[in-house]
Amino acid sequence: MILLCGQGQSLSLDDDENFKAFDIVIAENGPADPMENGAFAGMAEAAEEPGHYWIEAEKVVGLSGRVDDPVWKGKFQDMLKAVEKYGYSDLSKGLIKAHVKA
């Protein structure tokens, strides 16, 4: 999955069937720092590592347009569970961690 961060409030979820990756990509005309995007800043906070962010998982579901798709949501939850042991999700807080892909 790719969280595509553009200018202003422009934020979209691409490659939403890829449950093996989750990255933040800055659009061609997007901000240097994703926190300058209002929509992103409203759902994320900086993580400990530079270039990494904790993102509200339910807001990712909202961006997917699949809020009412139990199969997709199940696969997304399975992804969150699988990466928790590596420190890339926090199920108790409903967060997923991603990095800005160069």
N, C-alpha and C. Protein backbone atom coordinates (compact mmCIF):
# COMPACT_ATOMS: atom_id res chain seq x y z
N MET A 1 0.84 -1.17 0.00
CA MET A 1 0.00 0.00 0.00
C MET A 1 0.88 1.23 0.00
N ILE A 2 0.37 2.25 -0.61
CA ILE A 2 1.09 3.51 -0.68
C ILE A 2 0.15 4.62 -0.22
N LEU A 3 0.58 5.35 0.78
CA LEU A 3 -0.13 6.53 1.22
C LEU A 3 0.50 7.69 0.47
N LEU A 4 -0.20 8.20 -0.55
CA LEU A 4 0.33 9.23 -1.43
C LEU A 4 -0.03 10.60 -0.87
N CYS A 5 1.01 11.35 -0.54
CA CYS A 5 0.86 12.64 0.14
C CYS A 5 1.16 13.77 -0.84
N GLY A 6 0.15 14.56 -1.14
CA GLY A 6 0.31 15.69 -2.04
C GLY A 6 0.25 17.01 -1.29
N GLN A 7 0.00 18.07 -2.03
CA GLN A 7 -0.08 19.40 -1.42
C GLN A 7 -1.39 19.58 -0.67
N GLY A 8 -1.37 20.51 0.29
CA GLY A 8 -2.58 20.87 1.02
C GLY A 8 -3.18 19.71 1.77
N GLN A 9 -4.37 19.30 1.35
CA GLN A 9 -5.09 18.19 1.98
C GLN A 9 -5.09 16.94 1.11
N SER A 10 -4.35 16.95 0.01
CA SER A 10 -4.36 15.83 -0.94
C SER A 10 -3.68 14.60 -0.34
N LEU A 11 -4.48 13.56 -0.13
CA LEU A 11 -3.98 12.33 0.46
C LEU A 11 -4.81 11.18 -0.10
N SER A 12 -4.14 10.15 -0.60
CA SER A 12 -4.87 9.00 -1.15
C SER A 12 -4.13 7.71 -0.83
N LEU A 13 -4.85 6.61 -0.96
CA LEU A 13 -4.28 5.30 -0.73
C LEU A 13 -4.23 4.57 -2.06
N ASP A 14 -3.04 4.24 -2.51
CA ASP A 14 -2.84 3.52 -3.77
C ASP A 14 -2.36 2.11 -3.48
N ASP A 15 -2.48 1.25 -4.47
CA ASP A 15 -2.02 -0.15 -4.36
C ASP A 15 -2.63 -0.81 -3.12
N ASP A 16 -3.93 -0.59 -2.93
CA ASP A 16 -4.59 -1.01 -1.69
C ASP A 16 -4.84 -2.51 -1.59
N GLU A 17 -4.44 -3.28 -2.58
CA GLU A 17 -4.53 -4.74 -2.49
C GLU A 17 -3.19 -5.35 -2.09
N ASN A 18 -2.18 -4.52 -1.92
CA ASN A 18 -0.86 -5.00 -1.54
C ASN A 18 -0.77 -4.98 -0.01
N PHE A 19 -0.94 -6.12 0.60
CA PHE A 19 -0.91 -6.22 2.06
C PHE A 19 0.47 -6.63 2.58
N LYS A 20 1.48 -6.51 1.74
CA LYS A 20 2.85 -6.87 2.12
C LYS A 20 3.75 -5.66 2.28
N ALA A 21 3.23 -4.46 2.01
CA ALA A 21 4.04 -3.25 2.14
C ALA A 21 3.12 -2.08 2.47
N PHE A 22 3.67 -1.12 3.21
CA PHE A 22 2.93 0.09 3.52
C PHE A 22 3.95 1.22 3.61
N ASP A 23 3.92 2.11 2.63
CA ASP A 23 4.88 3.20 2.55
C ASP A 23 4.17 4.53 2.37
N ILE A 24 4.85 5.59 2.73
CA ILE A 24 4.41 6.95 2.46
C ILE A 24 5.23 7.43 1.26
N VAL A 25 4.55 7.95 0.27
CA VAL A 25 5.23 8.50 -0.90
C VAL A 25 4.77 9.94 -1.06
N ILE A 26 5.74 10.81 -1.26
CA ILE A 26 5.44 12.22 -1.49
C ILE A 26 5.19 12.40 -2.99
N ALA A 27 4.04 12.98 -3.33
CA ALA A 27 3.71 13.23 -4.73
C ALA A 27 4.70 14.20 -5.34
N GLU A 28 4.76 14.22 -6.66
CA GLU A 28 5.72 15.06 -7.38
C GLU A 28 5.72 16.51 -6.90
N ASN A 29 4.56 17.07 -6.69
CA ASN A 29 4.46 18.46 -6.22
C ASN A 29 4.09 18.55 -4.74
N GLY A 30 4.33 17.47 -4.02
CA GLY A 30 3.95 17.41 -2.62
C GLY A 30 4.94 18.12 -1.71
N PRO A 31 4.63 18.17 -0.43
CA PRO A 31 5.48 18.87 0.54
C PRO A 31 6.77 18.10 0.83
N ALA A 32 7.79 18.82 1.25
CA ALA A 32 9.05 18.17 1.64
C ALA A 32 8.83 17.29 2.87
N ASP A 33 7.98 17.73 3.77
CA ASP A 33 7.66 17.01 5.00
C ASP A 33 6.18 16.64 4.95
N PRO A 34 5.82 15.35 5.07
CA PRO A 34 4.40 14.98 4.99
C PRO A 34 3.53 15.67 6.04
N MET A 35 4.12 16.10 7.15
CA MET A 35 3.33 16.77 8.19
C MET A 35 2.84 18.15 7.73
N GLU A 36 3.35 18.63 6.60
CA GLU A 36 2.85 19.88 6.02
C GLU A 36 1.53 19.67 5.30
N ASN A 37 1.16 18.42 5.07
CA ASN A 37 -0.12 18.08 4.46
C ASN A 37 -1.14 17.98 5.60
N GLY A 38 -2.16 18.81 5.56
CA GLY A 38 -3.13 18.86 6.65
C GLY A 38 -3.84 17.55 6.93
N ALA A 39 -4.21 16.82 5.87
CA ALA A 39 -4.90 15.54 6.06
C ALA A 39 -3.97 14.51 6.71
N PHE A 40 -2.72 14.49 6.28
CA PHE A 40 -1.75 13.56 6.87
C PHE A 40 -1.51 13.91 8.33
N ALA A 41 -1.29 15.19 8.60
CA ALA A 41 -1.01 15.64 9.97
C ALA A 41 -2.17 15.31 10.90
N GLY A 42 -3.39 15.24 10.35
CA GLY A 42 -4.56 14.92 11.16
C GLY A 42 -4.69 13.45 11.52
N MET A 43 -3.83 12.61 10.96
CA MET A 43 -3.93 11.18 11.24
C MET A 43 -2.60 10.54 11.60
N ALA A 44 -1.56 11.35 11.75
CA ALA A 44 -0.22 10.79 11.97
C ALA A 44 0.56 11.60 12.98
N GLU A 45 1.59 10.95 13.51
CA GLU A 45 2.56 11.65 14.37
C GLU A 45 3.93 11.04 14.10
N ALA A 46 4.94 11.84 14.29
CA ALA A 46 6.31 11.36 14.04
C ALA A 46 6.64 10.21 14.97
N ALA A 47 7.31 9.20 14.42
CA ALA A 47 7.80 8.07 15.21
C ALA A 47 9.21 8.37 15.69
N GLU A 48 9.78 7.43 16.42
CA GLU A 48 11.11 7.61 17.00
C GLU A 48 12.18 7.77 15.92
N GLU A 49 12.09 6.97 14.86
CA GLU A 49 13.09 7.00 13.80
C GLU A 49 12.78 8.13 12.82
N PRO A 50 13.81 8.83 12.37
CA PRO A 50 13.59 9.89 11.38
C PRO A 50 12.93 9.32 10.12
N GLY A 51 11.98 10.06 9.58
CA GLY A 51 11.31 9.65 8.36
C GLY A 51 10.23 8.61 8.54
N HIS A 52 9.92 8.23 9.79
CA HIS A 52 8.88 7.25 10.10
C HIS A 52 7.74 7.95 10.85
N TYR A 53 6.52 7.45 10.62
CA TYR A 53 5.34 8.05 11.24
C TYR A 53 4.38 6.97 11.71
N TRP A 54 3.73 7.21 12.84
CA TRP A 54 2.63 6.38 13.32
C TRP A 54 1.35 6.95 12.74
N ILE A 55 0.55 6.09 12.11
CA ILE A 55 -0.65 6.52 11.40
C ILE A 55 -1.85 5.76 11.96
N GLU A 56 -2.96 6.46 12.14
CA GLU A 56 -4.18 5.83 12.64
C GLU A 56 -4.70 4.84 11.59
N ALA A 57 -4.74 3.57 11.96
CA ALA A 57 -5.13 2.51 11.03
C ALA A 57 -6.55 2.70 10.51
N GLU A 58 -7.47 3.13 11.33
CA GLU A 58 -8.86 3.31 10.89
C GLU A 58 -8.97 4.40 9.84
N LYS A 59 -8.10 5.39 9.89
CA LYS A 59 -8.13 6.44 8.87
C LYS A 59 -7.60 5.90 7.55
N VAL A 60 -6.68 4.94 7.62
CA VAL A 60 -6.21 4.28 6.40
C VAL A 60 -7.38 3.52 5.77
N VAL A 61 -8.14 2.83 6.59
CA VAL A 61 -9.33 2.11 6.11
C VAL A 61 -10.27 3.10 5.43
N GLY A 62 -10.47 4.25 6.03
CA GLY A 62 -11.33 5.27 5.43
C GLY A 62 -10.84 5.73 4.07
N LEU A 63 -9.54 5.89 3.93
CA LEU A 63 -8.98 6.30 2.64
C LEU A 63 -9.12 5.21 1.58
N SER A 64 -9.22 3.97 2.01
CA SER A 64 -9.32 2.86 1.06
C SER A 64 -10.65 2.85 0.34
N GLY A 65 -11.67 3.47 0.93
CA GLY A 65 -13.00 3.40 0.36
C GLY A 65 -13.65 2.04 0.57
N ARG A 66 -13.09 1.25 1.49
CA ARG A 66 -13.59 -0.11 1.72
C ARG A 66 -14.08 -0.31 3.16
N VAL A 67 -14.63 0.72 3.72
CA VAL A 67 -15.11 0.67 5.10
C VAL A 67 -16.14 -0.45 5.28
N ASP A 68 -16.92 -0.71 4.24
CA ASP A 68 -17.97 -1.74 4.33
C ASP A 68 -17.56 -3.07 3.71
N ASP A 69 -16.28 -3.27 3.46
CA ASP A 69 -15.79 -4.51 2.85
C ASP A 69 -15.10 -5.36 3.91
N PRO A 70 -15.82 -6.32 4.50
CA PRO A 70 -15.24 -7.11 5.59
C PRO A 70 -14.04 -7.95 5.15
N VAL A 71 -14.00 -8.40 3.91
CA VAL A 71 -12.86 -9.20 3.44
C VAL A 71 -11.60 -8.34 3.40
N TRP A 72 -11.70 -7.14 2.81
CA TRP A 72 -10.55 -6.24 2.74
C TRP A 72 -10.10 -5.85 4.14
N LYS A 73 -11.05 -5.48 4.98
CA LYS A 73 -10.71 -5.08 6.35
C LYS A 73 -10.04 -6.22 7.11
N GLY A 74 -10.48 -7.45 6.88
CA GLY A 74 -9.86 -8.61 7.52
C GLY A 74 -8.41 -8.78 7.08
N LYS A 75 -8.15 -8.60 5.79
CA LYS A 75 -6.79 -8.70 5.28
C LYS A 75 -5.92 -7.58 5.85
N PHE A 76 -6.49 -6.40 5.98
CA PHE A 76 -5.74 -5.27 6.54
C PHE A 76 -5.40 -5.56 8.01
N GLN A 77 -6.35 -6.08 8.77
CA GLN A 77 -6.09 -6.44 10.16
C GLN A 77 -5.04 -7.54 10.27
N ASP A 78 -5.09 -8.50 9.36
CA ASP A 78 -4.08 -9.56 9.34
C ASP A 78 -2.69 -8.97 9.11
N MET A 79 -2.61 -7.97 8.22
CA MET A 79 -1.34 -7.31 7.96
C MET A 79 -0.84 -6.62 9.23
N LEU A 80 -1.73 -5.91 9.92
CA LEU A 80 -1.34 -5.23 11.16
C LEU A 80 -0.83 -6.22 12.20
N LYS A 81 -1.52 -7.35 12.33
CA LYS A 81 -1.09 -8.38 13.28
C LYS A 81 0.28 -8.95 12.92
N ALA A 82 0.49 -9.17 11.62
CA ALA A 82 1.74 -9.78 11.16
C ALA A 82 2.95 -8.89 11.41
N VAL A 83 2.77 -7.57 11.32
CA VAL A 83 3.93 -6.67 11.45
C VAL A 83 4.11 -6.14 12.87
N GLU A 84 3.18 -6.46 13.76
CA GLU A 84 3.31 -5.96 15.13
C GLU A 84 4.59 -6.47 15.79
N LYS A 85 4.95 -7.72 15.56
CA LYS A 85 6.15 -8.29 16.19
C LYS A 85 7.42 -7.60 15.71
N TYR A 86 7.35 -6.89 14.59
CA TYR A 86 8.51 -6.15 14.07
C TYR A 86 8.47 -4.67 14.46
N GLY A 87 7.45 -4.28 15.22
CA GLY A 87 7.34 -2.91 15.68
C GLY A 87 6.70 -1.97 14.68
N TYR A 88 5.99 -2.52 13.67
CA TYR A 88 5.37 -1.68 12.66
C TYR A 88 3.87 -1.51 12.83
N SER A 89 3.33 -2.02 13.91
CA SER A 89 1.96 -1.70 14.26
C SER A 89 1.82 -1.80 15.78
N ASP A 90 0.84 -1.11 16.28
CA ASP A 90 0.50 -1.16 17.69
C ASP A 90 -1.00 -1.40 17.75
N LEU A 91 -1.38 -2.66 17.87
CA LEU A 91 -2.80 -3.01 17.83
C LEU A 91 -3.58 -2.39 18.98
N SER A 92 -2.96 -2.26 20.13
CA SER A 92 -3.67 -1.69 21.29
C SER A 92 -4.03 -0.23 21.06
N LYS A 93 -3.26 0.48 20.25
CA LYS A 93 -3.53 1.89 19.96
C LYS A 93 -4.13 2.10 18.58
N GLY A 94 -4.22 1.03 17.77
CA GLY A 94 -4.77 1.14 16.43
C GLY A 94 -3.89 1.92 15.48
N LEU A 95 -2.57 1.70 15.57
CA LEU A 95 -1.62 2.45 14.76
C LEU A 95 -0.80 1.54 13.85
N ILE A 96 -0.38 2.08 12.74
CA ILE A 96 0.56 1.42 11.85
C ILE A 96 1.70 2.39 11.57
N LYS A 97 2.92 1.86 11.51
CA LYS A 97 4.08 2.72 11.28
C LYS A 97 4.53 2.56 9.84
N ALA A 98 4.88 3.68 9.23
CA ALA A 98 5.37 3.67 7.85
C ALA A 98 6.49 4.67 7.72
N HIS A 99 7.28 4.49 6.68
CA HIS A 99 8.37 5.43 6.41
C HIS A 99 8.14 6.12 5.07
N VAL A 100 8.76 7.27 4.91
CA VAL A 100 8.67 7.99 3.65
C VAL A 100 9.65 7.31 2.69
N LYS A 101 9.10 6.78 1.62
CA LYS A 101 9.92 6.08 0.63
C LYS A 101 10.54 7.10 -0.31
N ALA A 102 11.83 6.96 -0.50
CA ALA A 102 12.54 7.91 -1.36
C ALA A 102 12.26 7.63 -2.82
